[in-house]
Amino acid sequence: MAYWRQPLDRDRVRVPQGIVHIIEDRCKGCGFCVEFCPQHVLAMSRRTNAKGYHPPEIVDGAHCVNCGLCTLLCPDFAIYVTDGGARIPDRIEPIRRDEGKR
């Protein structure tokens, strides 16, 4: 979706990235993680795990923003997200509007 305006600090703030990890043998196929993922990173797979359930699979891991919602909603602790790393800056410098008026 294209927006007609952009945030003022978009060149300084980086979108966080997460790496999704699924422990398939713990999953019972409830689908909470798939249903409530805001970035639609997950989908239910066609294959089955050792228990006979359909675990989720990662469809588009590059769009994960490390919100952790899938981790919070999973009743079996079968999914977790780790930090993707380099896309988050260490420190953001504020812009001072009065610097150029001297």
N, C-alpha and C. Protein backbone atom coordinates (compact mmCIF):
# COMPACT_ATOMS: atom_id res chain seq x y z
N MET A 1 0.84 -1.17 0.00
CA MET A 1 0.00 0.00 0.00
C MET A 1 0.89 1.24 0.00
N ALA A 2 0.63 2.16 -0.88
CA ALA A 2 1.41 3.39 -0.97
C ALA A 2 0.72 4.49 -0.16
N TYR A 3 1.50 5.20 0.61
CA TYR A 3 0.97 6.30 1.40
C TYR A 3 1.36 7.62 0.76
N TRP A 4 0.54 8.63 0.93
CA TRP A 4 0.79 9.93 0.32
C TRP A 4 1.76 10.76 1.14
N ARG A 5 2.05 10.34 2.36
CA ARG A 5 3.03 11.06 3.17
C ARG A 5 3.95 10.07 3.86
N GLN A 6 5.11 10.53 4.25
CA GLN A 6 6.11 9.69 4.88
C GLN A 6 6.51 10.29 6.22
N PRO A 7 6.95 9.48 7.19
CA PRO A 7 7.42 10.02 8.47
C PRO A 7 8.64 10.91 8.26
N LEU A 8 8.76 11.94 9.11
CA LEU A 8 9.86 12.89 8.98
C LEU A 8 11.22 12.26 9.27
N ASP A 9 11.24 11.24 10.09
CA ASP A 9 12.51 10.63 10.47
C ASP A 9 12.72 9.26 9.82
N ARG A 10 12.15 9.02 8.67
CA ARG A 10 12.24 7.69 8.06
C ARG A 10 13.65 7.32 7.63
N ASP A 11 14.54 8.31 7.40
CA ASP A 11 15.91 8.00 7.02
C ASP A 11 16.78 7.65 8.22
N ARG A 12 16.31 7.95 9.44
CA ARG A 12 17.08 7.67 10.65
C ARG A 12 16.57 6.46 11.42
N VAL A 13 15.32 6.12 11.29
CA VAL A 13 14.72 5.02 12.03
C VAL A 13 14.59 3.81 11.11
N ARG A 14 15.10 2.70 11.54
CA ARG A 14 15.04 1.47 10.76
C ARG A 14 13.95 0.56 11.33
N VAL A 15 13.28 -0.13 10.44
CA VAL A 15 12.25 -1.08 10.85
C VAL A 15 12.95 -2.32 11.40
N PRO A 16 12.58 -2.78 12.60
CA PRO A 16 13.22 -3.99 13.13
C PRO A 16 12.88 -5.21 12.30
N GLN A 17 13.76 -6.18 12.33
CA GLN A 17 13.55 -7.41 11.59
C GLN A 17 13.73 -8.58 12.53
N GLY A 18 12.85 -9.55 12.42
CA GLY A 18 12.93 -10.73 13.26
C GLY A 18 13.14 -12.00 12.45
N ILE A 19 13.64 -13.00 13.12
CA ILE A 19 13.82 -14.32 12.51
C ILE A 19 12.90 -15.29 13.26
N VAL A 20 11.97 -15.89 12.55
CA VAL A 20 10.97 -16.77 13.15
C VAL A 20 11.53 -18.19 13.24
N HIS A 21 11.37 -18.80 14.41
CA HIS A 21 11.79 -20.18 14.64
C HIS A 21 10.57 -20.99 15.07
N ILE A 22 10.34 -22.11 14.42
CA ILE A 22 9.19 -22.96 14.72
C ILE A 22 9.69 -24.32 15.18
N ILE A 23 9.23 -24.75 16.34
CA ILE A 23 9.53 -26.09 16.84
C ILE A 23 8.34 -26.96 16.46
N GLU A 24 8.44 -27.62 15.33
CA GLU A 24 7.30 -28.31 14.73
C GLU A 24 6.75 -29.44 15.59
N ASP A 25 7.58 -30.14 16.33
CA ASP A 25 7.10 -31.27 17.12
C ASP A 25 6.27 -30.83 18.32
N ARG A 26 6.38 -29.59 18.75
CA ARG A 26 5.56 -29.09 19.85
C ARG A 26 4.20 -28.58 19.37
N CYS A 27 4.09 -28.23 18.11
CA CYS A 27 2.90 -27.57 17.57
C CYS A 27 1.72 -28.52 17.50
N LYS A 28 0.53 -28.01 17.85
CA LYS A 28 -0.70 -28.79 17.71
C LYS A 28 -1.61 -28.23 16.62
N GLY A 29 -1.11 -27.28 15.84
CA GLY A 29 -1.84 -26.79 14.68
C GLY A 29 -3.03 -25.92 14.98
N CYS A 30 -2.99 -25.15 16.06
CA CYS A 30 -4.14 -24.31 16.42
C CYS A 30 -4.33 -23.15 15.45
N GLY A 31 -3.23 -22.65 14.86
CA GLY A 31 -3.32 -21.59 13.87
C GLY A 31 -3.39 -20.18 14.42
N PHE A 32 -3.23 -20.01 15.73
CA PHE A 32 -3.26 -18.66 16.30
C PHE A 32 -2.17 -17.77 15.73
N CYS A 33 -0.99 -18.32 15.58
CA CYS A 33 0.14 -17.54 15.07
C CYS A 33 -0.11 -17.09 13.63
N VAL A 34 -0.73 -17.94 12.84
CA VAL A 34 -1.02 -17.61 11.44
C VAL A 34 -2.13 -16.56 11.37
N GLU A 35 -3.16 -16.74 12.17
CA GLU A 35 -4.33 -15.86 12.12
C GLU A 35 -4.02 -14.43 12.56
N PHE A 36 -3.17 -14.28 13.57
CA PHE A 36 -2.95 -12.96 14.15
C PHE A 36 -1.63 -12.31 13.77
N CYS A 37 -0.87 -12.87 12.86
CA CYS A 37 0.38 -12.25 12.42
C CYS A 37 0.06 -10.99 11.63
N PRO A 38 0.50 -9.82 12.09
CA PRO A 38 0.15 -8.57 11.39
C PRO A 38 0.82 -8.42 10.03
N GLN A 39 1.92 -9.11 9.79
CA GLN A 39 2.64 -9.00 8.52
C GLN A 39 2.40 -10.19 7.60
N HIS A 40 1.57 -11.15 8.00
CA HIS A 40 1.24 -12.34 7.21
C HIS A 40 2.50 -13.10 6.80
N VAL A 41 3.36 -13.33 7.79
CA VAL A 41 4.61 -14.05 7.57
C VAL A 41 4.39 -15.56 7.56
N LEU A 42 3.37 -16.03 8.26
CA LEU A 42 3.15 -17.46 8.43
C LEU A 42 1.91 -17.95 7.68
N ALA A 43 1.92 -19.24 7.37
CA ALA A 43 0.76 -19.92 6.78
C ALA A 43 0.78 -21.36 7.28
N MET A 44 -0.38 -22.00 7.28
CA MET A 44 -0.45 -23.40 7.70
C MET A 44 0.14 -24.28 6.60
N SER A 45 0.97 -25.22 6.97
CA SER A 45 1.62 -26.09 5.99
C SER A 45 0.73 -27.29 5.68
N ARG A 46 1.05 -27.97 4.61
CA ARG A 46 0.32 -29.18 4.23
C ARG A 46 0.92 -30.43 4.86
N ARG A 47 2.17 -30.33 5.29
CA ARG A 47 2.81 -31.50 5.90
C ARG A 47 2.39 -31.63 7.36
N THR A 48 2.62 -32.79 7.94
CA THR A 48 2.25 -33.03 9.33
C THR A 48 3.51 -33.26 10.17
N ASN A 49 3.38 -32.97 11.46
CA ASN A 49 4.49 -33.21 12.38
C ASN A 49 4.35 -34.62 12.97
N ALA A 50 5.16 -34.92 13.97
CA ALA A 50 5.16 -36.26 14.58
C ALA A 50 3.83 -36.59 15.27
N LYS A 51 3.10 -35.55 15.71
CA LYS A 51 1.82 -35.77 16.38
C LYS A 51 0.65 -35.85 15.40
N GLY A 52 0.89 -35.53 14.13
CA GLY A 52 -0.16 -35.59 13.13
C GLY A 52 -0.85 -34.25 12.87
N TYR A 53 -0.32 -33.19 13.43
CA TYR A 53 -0.89 -31.86 13.22
C TYR A 53 -0.16 -31.13 12.10
N HIS A 54 -0.81 -30.11 11.57
CA HIS A 54 -0.20 -29.27 10.53
C HIS A 54 0.41 -28.03 11.18
N PRO A 55 1.73 -27.98 11.29
CA PRO A 55 2.37 -26.81 11.88
C PRO A 55 2.42 -25.65 10.89
N PRO A 56 2.66 -24.44 11.37
CA PRO A 56 2.80 -23.31 10.43
C PRO A 56 4.13 -23.38 9.70
N GLU A 57 4.19 -22.68 8.59
CA GLU A 57 5.44 -22.55 7.86
C GLU A 57 5.66 -21.07 7.56
N ILE A 58 6.90 -20.71 7.36
CA ILE A 58 7.26 -19.33 7.08
C ILE A 58 7.08 -19.07 5.59
N VAL A 59 6.19 -18.14 5.26
CA VAL A 59 5.91 -17.81 3.87
C VAL A 59 6.83 -16.69 3.40
N ASP A 60 6.95 -15.63 4.20
CA ASP A 60 7.76 -14.48 3.84
C ASP A 60 8.46 -13.94 5.08
N GLY A 61 9.55 -14.55 5.46
CA GLY A 61 10.27 -14.18 6.67
C GLY A 61 10.92 -12.81 6.63
N ALA A 62 11.11 -12.26 5.44
CA ALA A 62 11.74 -10.94 5.32
C ALA A 62 10.83 -9.83 5.83
N HIS A 63 9.53 -10.07 5.94
CA HIS A 63 8.60 -9.04 6.40
C HIS A 63 8.34 -9.10 7.91
N CYS A 64 8.98 -10.01 8.62
CA CYS A 64 8.79 -10.11 10.07
C CYS A 64 9.38 -8.88 10.74
N VAL A 65 8.59 -8.20 11.58
CA VAL A 65 9.04 -6.99 12.27
C VAL A 65 9.33 -7.25 13.75
N ASN A 66 9.46 -8.50 14.14
CA ASN A 66 9.84 -8.88 15.50
C ASN A 66 8.85 -8.34 16.54
N CYS A 67 7.56 -8.41 16.23
CA CYS A 67 6.56 -7.94 17.18
C CYS A 67 6.36 -8.92 18.33
N GLY A 68 6.63 -10.20 18.10
CA GLY A 68 6.51 -11.21 19.14
C GLY A 68 5.10 -11.68 19.42
N LEU A 69 4.14 -11.28 18.60
CA LEU A 69 2.76 -11.67 18.82
C LEU A 69 2.57 -13.17 18.69
N CYS A 70 3.25 -13.79 17.74
CA CYS A 70 3.13 -15.24 17.57
C CYS A 70 3.65 -15.97 18.82
N THR A 71 4.71 -15.46 19.40
CA THR A 71 5.28 -16.06 20.61
C THR A 71 4.31 -15.95 21.78
N LEU A 72 3.68 -14.80 21.92
CA LEU A 72 2.73 -14.59 23.02
C LEU A 72 1.47 -15.44 22.88
N LEU A 73 1.01 -15.67 21.67
CA LEU A 73 -0.24 -16.37 21.46
C LEU A 73 -0.11 -17.89 21.43
N CYS A 74 1.07 -18.41 21.20
CA CYS A 74 1.24 -19.86 21.07
C CYS A 74 1.05 -20.55 22.42
N PRO A 75 0.02 -21.40 22.54
CA PRO A 75 -0.21 -22.08 23.82
C PRO A 75 0.80 -23.19 24.12
N ASP A 76 1.53 -23.63 23.11
CA ASP A 76 2.46 -24.74 23.28
C ASP A 76 3.93 -24.33 23.27
N PHE A 77 4.20 -23.02 23.20
CA PHE A 77 5.58 -22.50 23.15
C PHE A 77 6.34 -23.13 21.98
N ALA A 78 5.67 -23.25 20.84
CA ALA A 78 6.25 -23.90 19.68
C ALA A 78 6.85 -22.92 18.69
N ILE A 79 6.75 -21.63 18.95
CA ILE A 79 7.27 -20.63 18.02
C ILE A 79 7.88 -19.48 18.82
N TYR A 80 8.99 -18.98 18.31
CA TYR A 80 9.61 -17.81 18.93
C TYR A 80 10.34 -17.01 17.86
N VAL A 81 10.62 -15.76 18.18
CA VAL A 81 11.26 -14.85 17.24
C VAL A 81 12.53 -14.31 17.88
N THR A 82 13.60 -14.29 17.10
CA THR A 82 14.85 -13.67 17.57
C THR A 82 15.10 -12.41 16.75
N ASP A 83 15.95 -11.57 17.28
CA ASP A 83 16.25 -10.29 16.64
C ASP A 83 17.05 -10.52 15.37
N GLY A 84 16.64 -9.84 14.30
CA GLY A 84 17.32 -9.95 13.01
C GLY A 84 18.62 -9.21 12.96
N GLY A 85 18.79 -8.23 13.82
CA GLY A 85 20.09 -7.59 13.95
C GLY A 85 20.30 -6.27 13.29
N ALA A 86 21.08 -6.23 12.26
CA ALA A 86 21.73 -5.02 11.75
C ALA A 86 20.83 -3.90 11.28
N ARG A 87 19.54 -4.09 11.20
CA ARG A 87 18.68 -3.03 10.68
C ARG A 87 18.27 -2.01 11.74
N ILE A 88 18.61 -2.22 13.00
CA ILE A 88 18.24 -1.30 14.07
C ILE A 88 19.45 -0.46 14.45
N PRO A 89 19.35 0.88 14.40
CA PRO A 89 20.50 1.71 14.74
C PRO A 89 20.78 1.69 16.23
N ASP A 90 22.04 1.96 16.60
CA ASP A 90 22.42 1.99 18.01
C ASP A 90 21.85 3.22 18.71
N ARG A 91 21.91 4.36 18.03
CA ARG A 91 21.46 5.60 18.64
C ARG A 91 20.86 6.49 17.55
N ILE A 92 19.77 7.15 17.88
CA ILE A 92 19.13 8.06 16.95
C ILE A 92 19.39 9.48 17.42
N GLU A 93 19.98 10.27 16.56
CA GLU A 93 20.27 11.67 16.88
C GLU A 93 19.04 12.53 16.57
N PRO A 94 18.59 13.35 17.52
CA PRO A 94 17.44 14.21 17.24
C PRO A 94 17.82 15.36 16.31
N ILE A 95 16.86 15.82 15.55
CA ILE A 95 17.07 16.98 14.68
C ILE A 95 16.66 18.22 15.46
N ARG A 96 17.54 19.19 15.49
CA ARG A 96 17.24 20.46 16.16
C ARG A 96 16.86 21.49 15.11
N ARG A 97 15.68 22.03 15.22
CA ARG A 97 15.19 22.95 14.22
C ARG A 97 15.84 24.33 14.32
N ASP A 98 16.43 24.68 15.44
CA ASP A 98 17.02 26.00 15.61
C ASP A 98 18.49 26.07 15.23
N GLU A 99 19.09 24.98 14.77
CA GLU A 99 20.52 24.97 14.44
C GLU A 99 20.86 25.79 13.21
N GLY A 100 20.01 25.85 12.21
CA GLY A 100 20.31 26.56 10.97
C GLY A 100 19.95 28.04 10.99
N LYS A 101 19.42 28.55 12.08
CA LYS A 101 18.95 29.94 12.15
C LYS A 101 19.93 30.89 12.81
N ARG A 102 21.16 30.51 13.03
CA ARG A 102 22.12 31.38 13.71
C ARG A 102 22.83 32.29 12.81
